[in-house]
Structures are given as C-alpha cells and as structure tokens.
Protein backbone atom coordinates (compact mmCIF):
# COMPACT_ATOMS: atom_id res chain seq x y z
CA MET A 1 72.43 83.26 110.29
CA GLU A 2 72.64 84.14 113.52
CA LYS A 3 76.14 84.15 115.17
CA SER A 4 77.12 81.09 116.89
CA ALA A 5 79.96 79.38 118.60
CA THR A 6 81.01 78.03 115.42
CA VAL A 7 81.58 81.43 113.65
CA PRO A 8 84.92 82.84 114.71
CA PRO A 9 84.15 87.00 115.41
CA ASP A 10 86.80 87.84 113.22
CA ASN A 11 86.81 85.94 110.44
CA PRO A 12 86.13 88.47 107.53
CA CYS A 13 84.38 85.34 105.26
CA PHE A 14 80.86 85.89 107.47
CA ARG A 15 78.74 88.43 106.75
CA VAL A 16 77.40 88.35 110.09
CA ASN A 17 80.91 89.72 111.39
CA ILE A 18 80.62 92.85 108.80
CA HIS A 19 78.54 95.98 109.98
CA LEU A 20 78.19 99.25 108.27
CA HIS A 21 80.79 102.14 109.56
CA GLN A 22 83.16 99.25 110.58
CA THR A 23 86.92 99.75 109.80
CA VAL A 24 88.22 97.12 107.56
CA ASP A 25 91.15 96.21 105.22
CA ILE A 26 90.19 95.04 101.96
CA VAL A 27 91.95 93.84 98.45
CA THR A 28 90.51 95.18 95.54
CA LYS A 29 90.28 93.28 92.28
CA ARG A 30 93.45 95.22 90.78
CA ASN A 31 95.58 94.49 93.95
CA GLN A 32 94.70 90.77 94.03
CA LYS A 33 98.08 89.46 92.75
CA THR A 34 99.94 91.50 95.00
CA GLY A 35 97.98 91.76 98.27
CA GLN A 36 98.18 95.35 98.81
CA LEU A 37 95.22 96.21 101.72
CA THR A 38 93.13 99.49 101.37
CA ARG A 39 91.76 100.21 104.44
CA GLY A 40 88.62 102.12 105.26
CA GLN A 41 85.09 102.31 106.70
CA VAL A 42 82.18 99.89 105.19
CA ARG A 43 79.41 101.89 103.54
CA TRP A 44 77.59 99.03 101.74
CA ILE A 45 77.77 95.44 102.05
CA LEU A 46 77.25 93.89 98.59
CA THR A 47 77.67 90.03 99.20
CA SER A 48 74.05 88.82 99.70
CA LYS A 49 75.44 85.25 100.95
CA PRO A 50 76.01 84.56 104.32
CA TYR A 51 79.62 83.04 103.61
CA HIS A 52 82.22 83.63 100.88
CA SER A 53 85.48 81.91 100.94
CA ARG A 54 87.45 85.00 99.71
CA GLY A 55 85.78 87.58 101.84
CA ILE A 56 82.73 89.43 102.00
CA LYS A 57 82.49 92.32 99.18
CA VAL A 58 81.70 95.71 100.49
CA MET A 59 82.13 98.86 99.27
CA LEU A 60 84.01 101.77 101.46
CA ASP A 61 83.28 105.43 102.06
CA ASP A 62 85.55 106.46 99.41
CA ARG A 63 83.56 104.14 97.02
CA VAL A 64 86.34 101.64 96.79
CA VAL A 65 84.99 98.15 96.00
CA GLY A 66 86.93 95.31 97.28
CA ARG A 67 86.98 91.67 99.45
CA VAL A 68 87.33 92.02 103.47
CA GLN A 69 90.61 90.50 104.26
CA LYS A 70 91.00 91.96 107.99
CA ILE A 71 88.65 93.35 110.57
CA VAL A 72 90.15 96.23 112.11
CA PRO A 73 89.59 95.97 116.02
CA GLU A 74 87.96 98.92 117.27
CA GLU A 75 90.04 101.12 119.85
CA ALA A 76 88.73 101.55 123.14
C-alpha cells in the first residue's frame, strides 16, 4: 500500500505510518482497560496487514508488545 492523500500521516492504524526506531505510545494488552500508554522506540512491526482498526501491533526496544495509539512527532 502506497502512502496517499487518503492516509493521514499521523494515523497509527496504517502500517505505512509506522517505521523502525520511531518513537510511539502504545497500549499493552494488560493496560487496555485503563488506557495507560507506554512510550518507546519501535524495534519490530508485528502486524503484517496494511491497516488495523485498533492500531498496528509493534514490539518496542525494551521488548514490550502493544498496539500503537499515538505517533510521537520527531523534534527538530
């Protein structure tokens, strides 16, 4: 899937918006009810589909697995 005008660049539900070593906020399975977010850098992208309605599943550098809820903008 190519990035097009129909895919918002900050939408964490599209795989094309997630990149290795990118800083993201994820929700783990354990924290789904509370909505508590964990921040880290993407080590692996685990979702193979181009879109997932609850967020793309990733593993962070500290090996925590969860779904991306927010893409943290890079500082200039």
